[in-house]
Amino acid sequence: MNQDSVVYLNGAFQPLSEAKISVLDRGFIFGDGVYEFVPVYHRRPFRLAQHLKRLGNSLAAVGMVNPMSNAEWEKLFQEMIQRTPYEQQAIYLQVTRGVAPRDHPFPQGATPTVFMMANPLKLPTPEQVERGVACVSAEDFRWHRCDIKGISLMGNGLWRQVAVETGATETVLFRNDFLTEASSSNVFAVKNGTLLAPLRDNLILPGITYDAVLEFAPKIGMPVETRPVSRAEVFAADELWLTSSGKEVLAVTTLDNKSIGNGKPGPAFKKMWAHFQTQTAI
């Protein structure tokens, strides 16, 4: 990101090079904060209302007061979009509990730190969409509140690094032999034309794209089962998908060097991907 890029910090837009926070900010000391990542297509944020609802849920779950109303957030997003030259953007928003002496209990009266920046939106390449991607699997050892979009992402980072080091795109996670999600994506399986979705509980992030896929499935004639999905079902699936704001919908063709289905993106993926593109077009 260019040091002259404009970012928002605590009420002011300023060059990135001038944006500073205290070393006593609880986001820095404790990872005490939440965030959102909002894709912007043709200068229009995708499903902003859903992102703001999830932001509010995350803030409430960690005992933080939302520093802005939805209308104020929407205005801030629009100003960020207009100040950034990209037609397609990835907007990152972070809210921490603010600056306070280092102590574990929540400080009284601390002012939340609000930070926002925009980068070009990087989506899967045409080759990845056409050929699919490789993933590896691992045991999900993270905490039990993965439904909170918190900035404490050490576990996710460790598993994402495993993928990078093995030449894979993602690490697909299992807890007690049941699918949860991936290090930075939700995961779906397809069997006999039916979409299998892990339960939307505290063990996975309630992805905005996850919800969009469940909404779109009936529109393309695809039955859905939302239930626990076993490791065996994942490896025996006809198709496996990653979904996220940055990946949209992406086919997984190998997992732990084993082919998923015939090792190519399947027909259900192609229908879902095509429908998704209609939702982000002008």
C-alpha atoms as a PDB file:
ATOM      1  CA  MET A   1       0.000   0.000   0.000  1.00  0.00           C
ATOM      2  CA  ASN A   2       1.366   3.405  -0.988  1.00  0.00           C
ATOM      3  CA  GLN A   3       2.406   5.555   1.978  1.00  0.00           C
ATOM      4  CA  ASP A   4       0.498   8.464   0.409  1.00  0.00           C
ATOM      5  CA  SER A   5      -2.718   6.450   0.293  1.00  0.00           C
ATOM      6  CA  VAL A   6      -5.531   8.042   2.247  1.00  0.00           C
ATOM      7  CA  VAL A   7      -6.761   6.207   5.332  1.00  0.00           C
ATOM      8  CA  TYR A   8      -9.283   7.089   8.024  1.00  0.00           C
ATOM      9  CA  LEU A   9      -8.286   7.167  11.676  1.00  0.00           C
ATOM     10  CA  ASN A  10     -10.396   8.451  14.555  1.00  0.00           C
ATOM     11  CA  GLY A  11     -12.401  11.047  12.696  1.00  0.00           C
ATOM     12  CA  ALA A  12      -9.892  12.214  10.101  1.00  0.00           C
ATOM     13  CA  PHE A  13      -8.741  11.199   6.635  1.00  0.00           C
ATOM     14  CA  GLN A  14      -4.972  11.419   6.315  1.00  0.00           C
ATOM     15  CA  PRO A  15      -2.016   9.914   4.423  1.00  0.00           C
ATOM     16  CA  LEU A  16      -1.098   6.438   5.610  1.00  0.00           C
ATOM     17  CA  SER A  17       2.388   7.689   6.496  1.00  0.00           C
ATOM     18  CA  GLU A  18       0.887  10.103   9.035  1.00  0.00           C
ATOM     19  CA  ALA A  19      -1.585   7.720  10.684  1.00  0.00           C
ATOM     20  CA  LYS A  20      -0.383   6.832  14.181  1.00  0.00           C
ATOM     21  CA  ILE A  21      -1.832   5.109  17.246  1.00  0.00           C
ATOM     22  CA  SER A  22      -0.534   4.693  20.784  1.00  0.00           C
ATOM     23  CA  VAL A  23       1.484   1.592  21.668  1.00  0.00           C
ATOM     24  CA  LEU A  24      -0.980   1.234  24.551  1.00  0.00           C
ATOM     25  CA  ASP A  25      -3.909   0.722  22.203  1.00  0.00           C
ATOM     26  CA  ARG A  26      -5.564  -2.513  23.317  1.00  0.00           C
ATOM     27  CA  GLY A  27      -5.660  -3.664  19.712  1.00  0.00           C
ATOM     28  CA  PHE A  28      -1.858  -3.661  19.736  1.00  0.00           C
ATOM     29  CA  ILE A  29      -1.416  -4.981  23.286  1.00  0.00           C
ATOM     30  CA  PHE A  30      -4.207  -7.589  23.470  1.00  0.00           C
ATOM     31  CA  GLY A  31      -5.627  -7.957  19.961  1.00  0.00           C
ATOM     32  CA  ASP A  32      -8.732  -6.485  21.597  1.00  0.00           C
ATOM     33  CA  GLY A  33     -10.841  -5.446  18.634  1.00  0.00           C
ATOM     34  CA  VAL A  34     -13.000  -6.525  15.728  1.00  0.00           C
ATOM     35  CA  TYR A  35     -12.881  -5.906  11.997  1.00  0.00           C
ATOM     36  CA  GLU A  36     -14.727  -6.141   8.700  1.00  0.00           C
ATOM     37  CA  PHE A  37     -13.545  -6.639   5.133  1.00  0.00           C
ATOM     38  CA  VAL A  38     -15.986  -5.251   2.579  1.00  0.00           C
ATOM     39  CA  PRO A  39     -15.594  -5.780  -1.182  1.00  0.00           C
ATOM     40  CA  VAL A  40     -16.580  -2.879  -3.409  1.00  0.00           C
ATOM     41  CA  TYR A  41     -17.656  -3.469  -7.013  1.00  0.00           C
ATOM     42  CA  HIS A  42     -17.956  -0.494  -9.374  1.00  0.00           C
ATOM     43  CA  ARG A  43     -17.727   1.783  -6.312  1.00  0.00           C
ATOM     44  CA  ARG A  44     -20.660   0.065  -4.612  1.00  0.00           C
ATOM     45  CA  PRO A  45     -20.044  -1.881  -1.385  1.00  0.00           C
ATOM     46  CA  PHE A  46     -21.318  -5.454  -1.643  1.00  0.00           C
ATOM     47  CA  ARG A  47     -23.944  -6.308   0.987  1.00  0.00           C
ATOM     48  CA  LEU A  48     -22.898  -3.465   3.263  1.00  0.00           C
ATOM     49  CA  ALA A  49     -25.983  -3.851   5.465  1.00  0.00           C
ATOM     50  CA  GLN A  50     -24.997  -7.449   6.217  1.00  0.00           C
ATOM     51  CA  HIS A  51     -21.409  -6.458   6.963  1.00  0.00           C
ATOM     52  CA  LEU A  52     -22.569  -3.739   9.350  1.00  0.00           C
ATOM     53  CA  LYS A  53     -24.910  -6.171  11.098  1.00  0.00           C
ATOM     54  CA  ARG A  54     -22.038  -8.607  11.614  1.00  0.00           C
ATOM     55  CA  LEU A  55     -19.845  -5.750  12.854  1.00  0.00           C
ATOM     56  CA  GLY A  56     -22.505  -4.852  15.410  1.00  0.00           C
ATOM     57  CA  ASN A  57     -22.804  -8.478  16.493  1.00  0.00           C
ATOM     58  CA  SER A  58     -19.039  -8.796  16.936  1.00  0.00           C
ATOM     59  CA  LEU A  59     -18.844  -5.572  18.943  1.00  0.00           C
ATOM     60  CA  ALA A  60     -21.701  -6.665  21.188  1.00  0.00           C
ATOM     61  CA  ALA A  61     -20.137 -10.095  21.693  1.00  0.00           C
ATOM     62  CA  VAL A  62     -16.938  -8.553  23.083  1.00  0.00           C
ATOM     63  CA  GLY A  63     -18.722  -5.921  25.169  1.00  0.00           C
ATOM     64  CA  MET A  64     -17.930  -2.897  23.031  1.00  0.00           C
ATOM     65  CA  VAL A  65     -20.354  -0.105  22.170  1.00  0.00           C
ATOM     66  CA  ASN A  66     -20.719   0.505  18.450  1.00  0.00           C
ATOM     67  CA  PRO A  67     -19.045   3.910  17.906  1.00  0.00           C
ATOM     68  CA  MET A  68     -21.311   4.824  14.968  1.00  0.00           C
ATOM     69  CA  SER A  69     -24.840   4.344  13.715  1.00  0.00           C
ATOM     70  CA  ASN A  70     -25.408   2.413  10.500  1.00  0.00           C
ATOM     71  CA  ALA A  71     -26.101   5.690   8.688  1.00  0.00           C
ATOM     72  CA  GLU A  72     -22.785   7.111   9.922  1.00  0.00           C
ATOM     73  CA  TRP A  73     -20.939   3.976   8.863  1.00  0.00           C
ATOM     74  CA  GLU A  74     -22.534   4.102   5.416  1.00  0.00           C
ATOM     75  CA  LYS A  75     -21.498   7.742   5.004  1.00  0.00           C
ATOM     76  CA  LEU A  76     -17.935   6.898   6.048  1.00  0.00           C
ATOM     77  CA  PHE A  77     -17.766   4.023   3.559  1.00  0.00           C
ATOM     78  CA  GLN A  78     -18.981   6.241   0.747  1.00  0.00           C
ATOM     79  CA  GLU A  79     -16.393   8.902   1.553  1.00  0.00           C
ATOM     80  CA  MET A  80     -13.627   6.298   1.707  1.00  0.00           C
ATOM     81  CA  ILE A  81     -14.713   4.932  -1.668  1.00  0.00           C
ATOM     82  CA  GLN A  82     -14.735   8.381  -3.250  1.00  0.00           C
ATOM     83  CA  ARG A  83     -11.282   9.227  -1.911  1.00  0.00           C
ATOM     84  CA  THR A  84      -9.779   6.070  -3.418  1.00  0.00           C
ATOM     85  CA  PRO A  85      -9.076   5.765  -7.167  1.00  0.00           C
ATOM     86  CA  TYR A  86      -9.999   2.100  -7.607  1.00  0.00           C
ATOM     87  CA  GLU A  87     -13.291   1.014  -9.172  1.00  0.00           C
ATOM     88  CA  GLN A  88     -13.055  -2.333  -7.355  1.00  0.00           C
ATOM     89  CA  GLN A  89     -11.912  -1.959  -3.767  1.00  0.00           C
ATOM     90  CA  ALA A  90     -11.306  -3.956  -0.623  1.00  0.00           C
ATOM     91  CA  ILE A  91     -12.178  -1.849   2.402  1.00  0.00           C
ATOM     92  CA  TYR A  92     -10.755  -2.909   5.745  1.00  0.00           C
ATOM     93  CA  LEU A  93     -12.385  -1.529   8.888  1.00  0.00           C
ATOM     94  CA  GLN A  94     -11.064  -2.107  12.405  1.00  0.00           C
ATOM     95  CA  VAL A  95     -12.441  -1.032  15.784  1.00  0.00           C
ATOM     96  CA  THR A  96     -10.416  -1.593  18.951  1.00  0.00           C
ATOM     97  CA  ARG A  97     -11.315  -0.911  22.570  1.00  0.00           C
ATOM     98  CA  GLY A  98      -8.922   2.027  22.537  1.00  0.00           C
ATOM     99  CA  VAL A  99      -5.971   3.286  24.577  1.00  0.00           C
ATOM    100  CA  ALA A 100      -5.617   2.375  28.263  1.00  0.00           C
ATOM    101  CA  PRO A 101      -2.967   1.285  30.768  1.00  0.00           C
ATOM    102  CA  ARG A 102      -2.059  -2.354  30.182  1.00  0.00           C
ATOM    103  CA  ASP A 103      -4.418  -4.432  32.318  1.00  0.00           C
ATOM    104  CA  HIS A 104      -6.643  -7.333  31.345  1.00  0.00           C
ATOM    105  CA  PRO A 105     -10.023  -5.985  32.559  1.00  0.00           C
ATOM    106  CA  PHE A 106     -11.876  -3.713  30.176  1.00  0.00           C
ATOM    107  CA  PRO A 107     -11.027  -0.052  30.862  1.00  0.00           C
ATOM    108  CA  GLN A 108     -13.821   2.301  31.801  1.00  0.00           C
ATOM    109  CA  GLY A 109     -14.318   5.304  29.570  1.00  0.00           C
ATOM    110  CA  ALA A 110     -11.799   4.378  26.859  1.00  0.00           C
ATOM    111  CA  THR A 111     -12.547   5.805  23.408  1.00  0.00           C
ATOM    112  CA  PRO A 112     -12.606   3.170  20.644  1.00  0.00           C
ATOM    113  CA  THR A 113      -9.972   3.429  17.933  1.00  0.00           C
ATOM    114  CA  VAL A 114     -11.571   3.376  14.471  1.00  0.00           C
ATOM    115  CA  PHE A 115      -9.401   2.693  11.436  1.00  0.00           C
ATOM    116  CA  MET A 116     -10.308   2.231   7.768  1.00  0.00           C
ATOM    117  CA  MET A 117      -8.288   1.744   4.605  1.00  0.00           C
ATOM    118  CA  ALA A 118      -8.977   0.764   1.000  1.00  0.00           C
ATOM    119  CA  ASN A 119      -6.884  -1.321  -1.386  1.00  0.00           C
ATOM    120  CA  PRO A 120      -7.510  -2.671  -4.871  1.00  0.00           C
ATOM    121  CA  LEU A 121      -9.819  -5.683  -4.705  1.00  0.00           C
ATOM    122  CA  LYS A 122      -7.823  -8.806  -5.589  1.00  0.00           C
ATOM    123  CA  LEU A 123     -10.042 -11.629  -6.779  1.00  0.00           C
ATOM    124  CA  PRO A 124      -9.127 -15.138  -7.985  1.00  0.00           C
ATOM    125  CA  THR A 125      -7.364 -15.177 -11.339  1.00  0.00           C
ATOM    126  CA  PRO A 126      -9.151 -16.517 -14.429  1.00  0.00           C
ATOM    127  CA  GLU A 127      -6.828 -19.528 -14.273  1.00  0.00           C
ATOM    128  CA  GLN A 128      -7.840 -20.274 -10.661  1.00  0.00           C
ATOM    129  CA  VAL A 129     -11.514 -20.025 -11.577  1.00  0.00           C
ATOM    130  CA  GLU A 130     -11.055 -22.293 -14.598  1.00  0.00           C
ATOM    131  CA  ARG A 131      -8.781 -24.905 -13.015  1.00  0.00           C
ATOM    132  CA  GLY A 132      -9.591 -24.712  -9.320  1.00  0.00           C
ATOM    133  CA  VAL A 133      -7.070 -24.657  -6.489  1.00  0.00           C
ATOM    134  CA  ALA A 134      -5.246 -27.015  -4.159  1.00  0.00           C
ATOM    135  CA  CYS A 135      -5.794 -27.042  -0.402  1.00  0.00           C
ATOM    136  CA  VAL A 136      -4.409 -28.886   2.591  1.00  0.00           C
ATOM    137  CA  SER A 137      -6.229 -29.904   5.766  1.00  0.00           C
ATOM    138  CA  ALA A 138      -5.504 -29.577   9.477  1.00  0.00           C
ATOM    139  CA  GLU A 139      -7.093 -29.905  12.888  1.00  0.00           C
ATOM    140  CA  ASP A 140      -8.909 -26.762  14.038  1.00  0.00           C
ATOM    141  CA  PHE A 141      -7.321 -25.802  17.370  1.00  0.00           C
ATOM    142  CA  ARG A 142      -8.724 -22.267  17.581  1.00  0.00           C
ATOM    143  CA  TRP A 143     -10.954 -20.936  20.366  1.00  0.00           C
ATOM    144  CA  HIS A 144     -14.699 -21.603  20.486  1.00  0.00           C
ATOM    145  CA  ARG A 145     -15.886 -18.127  19.451  1.00  0.00           C
ATOM    146  CA  CYS A 146     -14.908 -18.140  15.789  1.00  0.00           C
ATOM    147  CA  ASP A 147     -18.239 -16.410  15.078  1.00  0.00           C
ATOM    148  CA  ILE A 148     -16.691 -13.169  16.391  1.00  0.00           C
ATOM    149  CA  LYS A 149     -14.718 -11.411  13.660  1.00  0.00           C
ATOM    150  CA  GLY A 150     -11.924 -10.480  16.028  1.00  0.00           C
ATOM    151  CA  ILE A 151      -8.491  -9.160  15.136  1.00  0.00           C
ATOM    152  CA  SER A 152      -6.799 -11.863  17.266  1.00  0.00           C
ATOM    153  CA  LEU A 153      -6.015 -14.067  14.264  1.00  0.00           C
ATOM    154  CA  MET A 154      -2.912 -15.993  15.362  1.00  0.00           C
ATOM    155  CA  GLY A 155      -4.515 -19.383  14.779  1.00  0.00           C
ATOM    156  CA  ASN A 156      -5.816 -18.380  11.376  1.00  0.00           C
ATOM    157  CA  GLY A 157      -2.434 -16.943  10.462  1.00  0.00           C
ATOM    158  CA  LEU A 158      -0.603 -20.123  11.451  1.00  0.00           C
ATOM    159  CA  TRP A 159      -2.865 -22.270   9.284  1.00  0.00           C
ATOM    160  CA  ARG A 160      -2.731 -19.810   6.376  1.00  0.00           C
ATOM    161  CA  GLN A 161       1.062 -19.999   6.540  1.00  0.00           C
ATOM    162  CA  VAL A 162       0.904 -23.801   6.329  1.00  0.00           C
ATOM    163  CA  ALA A 163      -0.980 -23.404   3.060  1.00  0.00           C
ATOM    164  CA  VAL A 164       1.562 -20.905   1.737  1.00  0.00           C
ATOM    165  CA  GLU A 165       4.497 -23.143   2.626  1.00  0.00           C
ATOM    166  CA  THR A 166       2.965 -26.156   0.879  1.00  0.00           C
ATOM    167  CA  GLY A 167       1.987 -24.256  -2.256  1.00  0.00           C
ATOM    168  CA  ALA A 168      -1.720 -24.494  -1.425  1.00  0.00           C
ATOM    169  CA  THR A 169      -4.374 -21.780  -1.489  1.00  0.00           C
ATOM    170  CA  GLU A 170      -6.006 -22.563   1.859  1.00  0.00           C
ATOM    171  CA  THR A 171      -5.977 -24.848   4.891  1.00  0.00           C
ATOM    172  CA  VAL A 172      -9.317 -26.575   5.384  1.00  0.00           C
ATOM    173  CA  LEU A 173     -10.025 -27.152   9.073  1.00  0.00           C
ATOM    174  CA  PHE A 174     -11.725 -30.000  10.924  1.00  0.00           C
ATOM    175  CA  ARG A 175     -12.731 -30.178  14.564  1.00  0.00           C
ATOM    176  CA  ASN A 176     -13.365 -33.670  15.928  1.00  0.00           C
ATOM    177  CA  ASP A 177     -13.557 -34.943  12.332  1.00  0.00           C
ATOM    178  CA  PHE A 178     -16.193 -32.414  11.263  1.00  0.00           C
ATOM    179  CA  LEU A 179     -15.647 -29.562   8.828  1.00  0.00           C
ATOM    180  CA  THR A 180     -15.563 -26.071  10.305  1.00  0.00           C
ATOM    181  CA  GLU A 181     -14.062 -23.633   7.777  1.00  0.00           C
ATOM    182  CA  ALA A 182     -10.683 -22.693   6.299  1.00  0.00           C
ATOM    183  CA  SER A 183      -8.068 -20.306   7.635  1.00  0.00           C
ATOM    184  CA  SER A 184      -9.648 -17.313   5.874  1.00  0.00           C
ATOM    185  CA  SER A 185     -12.655 -18.771   4.049  1.00  0.00           C
ATOM    186  CA  ASN A 186     -15.868 -20.670   4.542  1.00  0.00           C
ATOM    187  CA  VAL A 187     -16.094 -24.122   2.955  1.00  0.00           C
ATOM    188  CA  PHE A 188     -18.945 -25.942   1.203  1.00  0.00           C
ATOM    189  CA  ALA A 189     -19.144 -29.500  -0.148  1.00  0.00           C
ATOM    190  CA  VAL A 190     -21.376 -30.728  -2.977  1.00  0.00           C
ATOM    191  CA  LYS A 191     -22.642 -34.306  -3.225  1.00  0.00           C
ATOM    192  CA  ASN A 192     -25.091 -35.562  -5.835  1.00  0.00           C
ATOM    193  CA  GLY A 193     -26.047 -31.987  -6.679  1.00  0.00           C
ATOM    194  CA  THR A 194     -26.821 -31.017  -3.068  1.00  0.00           C
ATOM    195  CA  LEU A 195     -24.915 -28.238  -1.326  1.00  0.00           C
ATOM    196  CA  LEU A 196     -23.645 -29.311   2.105  1.00  0.00           C
ATOM    197  CA  ALA A 197     -23.076 -26.373   4.451  1.00  0.00           C
ATOM    198  CA  PRO A 198     -21.473 -26.613   7.910  1.00  0.00           C
ATOM    199  CA  LEU A 199     -23.673 -25.335  10.702  1.00  0.00           C
ATOM    200  CA  ARG A 200     -23.577 -21.569  11.179  1.00  0.00           C
ATOM    201  CA  ASP A 201     -22.615 -21.801  14.843  1.00  0.00           C
ATOM    202  CA  ASN A 202     -19.889 -20.467  17.114  1.00  0.00           C
ATOM    203  CA  LEU A 203     -17.211 -22.584  15.434  1.00  0.00           C
ATOM    204  CA  ILE A 204     -17.258 -20.763  12.095  1.00  0.00           C
ATOM    205  CA  LEU A 205     -17.349 -17.164  10.982  1.00  0.00           C
ATOM    206  CA  PRO A 206     -20.799 -16.196   9.671  1.00  0.00           C
ATOM    207  CA  GLY A 207     -19.449 -15.251   6.259  1.00  0.00           C
ATOM    208  CA  ILE A 208     -21.321 -12.712   4.174  1.00  0.00           C
ATOM    209  CA  THR A 209     -20.479 -14.745   1.059  1.00  0.00           C
ATOM    210  CA  TYR A 210     -21.483 -17.935   2.918  1.00  0.00           C
ATOM    211  CA  ASP A 211     -24.939 -16.429   3.448  1.00  0.00           C
ATOM    212  CA  ALA A 212     -25.057 -15.194  -0.158  1.00  0.00           C
ATOM    213  CA  VAL A 213     -24.314 -18.694  -1.472  1.00  0.00           C
ATOM    214  CA  LEU A 214     -27.103 -20.174   0.664  1.00  0.00           C
ATOM    215  CA  GLU A 215     -29.425 -17.485  -0.692  1.00  0.00           C
ATOM    216  CA  PHE A 216     -28.374 -18.053  -4.306  1.00  0.00           C
ATOM    217  CA  ALA A 217     -28.493 -21.879  -4.241  1.00  0.00           C
ATOM    218  CA  PRO A 218     -32.304 -22.195  -4.617  1.00  0.00           C
ATOM    219  CA  LYS A 219     -32.191 -19.647  -7.435  1.00  0.00           C
ATOM    220  CA  ILE A 220     -29.968 -21.957  -9.478  1.00  0.00           C
ATOM    221  CA  GLY A 221     -31.998 -25.040  -8.556  1.00  0.00           C
ATOM    222  CA  MET A 222     -29.600 -26.404  -5.971  1.00  0.00           C
ATOM    223  CA  PRO A 223     -30.881 -28.145  -2.800  1.00  0.00           C
ATOM    224  CA  VAL A 224     -29.132 -27.240   0.456  1.00  0.00           C
ATOM    225  CA  GLU A 225     -28.442 -29.219   3.622  1.00  0.00           C
ATOM    226  CA  THR A 226     -27.129 -27.172   6.535  1.00  0.00           C
ATOM    227  CA  ARG A 227     -25.750 -29.679   9.024  1.00  0.00           C
ATOM    228  CA  PRO A 228     -22.512 -31.150  10.402  1.00  0.00           C
ATOM    229  CA  VAL A 229     -20.333 -32.292   7.507  1.00  0.00           C
ATOM    230  CA  SER A 230     -17.852 -35.056   8.287  1.00  0.00           C
ATOM    231  CA  ARG A 231     -14.263 -35.335   7.141  1.00  0.00           C
ATOM    232  CA  ALA A 232     -15.184 -38.460   5.185  1.00  0.00           C
ATOM    233  CA  GLU A 233     -17.948 -36.562   3.354  1.00  0.00           C
ATOM    234  CA  VAL A 234     -15.538 -33.786   2.430  1.00  0.00           C
ATOM    235  CA  PHE A 235     -13.005 -36.155   0.881  1.00  0.00           C
ATOM    236  CA  ALA A 236     -15.788 -38.090  -0.897  1.00  0.00           C
ATOM    237  CA  ALA A 237     -17.488 -34.932  -2.178  1.00  0.00           C
ATOM    238  CA  ASP A 238     -18.120 -34.332  -5.871  1.00  0.00           C
ATOM    239  CA  GLU A 239     -17.121 -30.694  -5.397  1.00  0.00           C
ATOM    240  CA  LEU A 240     -15.590 -28.538  -2.689  1.00  0.00           C
ATOM    241  CA  TRP A 241     -15.775 -24.742  -2.612  1.00  0.00           C
ATOM    242  CA  LEU A 242     -14.099 -21.895  -0.775  1.00  0.00           C
ATOM    243  CA  THR A 243     -16.107 -18.720  -0.248  1.00  0.00           C
ATOM    244  CA  SER A 244     -15.092 -15.330   1.106  1.00  0.00           C
ATOM    245  CA  SER A 245     -15.272 -11.638   0.279  1.00  0.00           C
ATOM    246  CA  GLY A 246     -11.914 -11.879  -1.476  1.00  0.00           C
ATOM    247  CA  LYS A 247     -12.389 -15.269  -3.154  1.00  0.00           C
ATOM    248  CA  GLU A 248     -16.094 -14.982  -4.040  1.00  0.00           C
ATOM    249  CA  VAL A 249     -16.702 -18.683  -4.867  1.00  0.00           C
ATOM    250  CA  LEU A 250     -13.672 -20.798  -5.746  1.00  0.00           C
ATOM    251  CA  ALA A 251     -13.481 -24.521  -6.539  1.00  0.00           C
ATOM    252  CA  VAL A 252     -11.083 -26.775  -4.623  1.00  0.00           C
ATOM    253  CA  THR A 253      -9.850 -29.548  -6.910  1.00  0.00           C
ATOM    254  CA  THR A 254      -7.342 -31.266  -4.624  1.00  0.00           C
ATOM    255  CA  LEU A 255      -7.198 -31.639  -0.846  1.00  0.00           C
ATOM    256  CA  ASP A 256      -4.057 -33.111   0.709  1.00  0.00           C
ATOM    257  CA  ASN A 257      -2.996 -34.073  -2.831  1.00  0.00           C
ATOM    258  CA  LYS A 258      -6.179 -36.119  -3.298  1.00  0.00           C
ATOM    259  CA  SER A 259      -8.557 -35.193  -6.108  1.00  0.00           C
ATOM    260  CA  ILE A 260     -11.964 -33.843  -5.204  1.00  0.00           C
ATOM    261  CA  GLY A 261     -14.446 -35.401  -7.629  1.00  0.00           C
ATOM    262  CA  ASN A 262     -12.765 -35.607 -11.028  1.00  0.00           C
ATOM    263  CA  GLY A 263     -10.154 -33.027 -10.058  1.00  0.00           C
ATOM    264  CA  LYS A 264     -11.802 -30.217 -12.014  1.00  0.00           C
ATOM    265  CA  PRO A 265     -14.274 -27.448 -11.100  1.00  0.00           C
ATOM    266  CA  GLY A 266     -17.709 -29.054 -11.276  1.00  0.00           C
ATOM    267  CA  PRO A 267     -20.995 -28.052 -12.889  1.00  0.00           C
ATOM    268  CA  ALA A 268     -22.548 -26.820  -9.638  1.00  0.00           C
ATOM    269  CA  PHE A 269     -19.578 -24.527  -9.046  1.00  0.00           C
ATOM    270  CA  LYS A 270     -19.804 -23.147 -12.571  1.00  0.00           C
ATOM    271  CA  LYS A 271     -23.495 -22.317 -12.118  1.00  0.00           C
ATOM    272  CA  MET A 272     -22.916 -20.691  -8.727  1.00  0.00           C
ATOM    273  CA  TRP A 273     -19.894 -18.714  -9.941  1.00  0.00           C
ATOM    274  CA  ALA A 274     -21.809 -17.438 -12.971  1.00  0.00           C
ATOM    275  CA  HIS A 275     -24.774 -16.397 -10.820  1.00  0.00           C
ATOM    276  CA  PHE A 276     -22.449 -14.668  -8.359  1.00  0.00           C
ATOM    277  CA  GLN A 277     -21.009 -12.567 -11.187  1.00  0.00           C
ATOM    278  CA  THR A 278     -24.493 -11.297 -12.053  1.00  0.00           C
ATOM    279  CA  GLN A 279     -24.827  -9.983  -8.493  1.00  0.00           C
ATOM    280  CA  THR A 280     -21.649  -7.900  -8.646  1.00  0.00           C
ATOM    281  CA  ALA A 281     -22.059  -6.475 -12.146  1.00  0.00           C
ATOM    282  CA  ILE A 282     -23.217  -2.905 -12.799  1.00  0.00           C
END
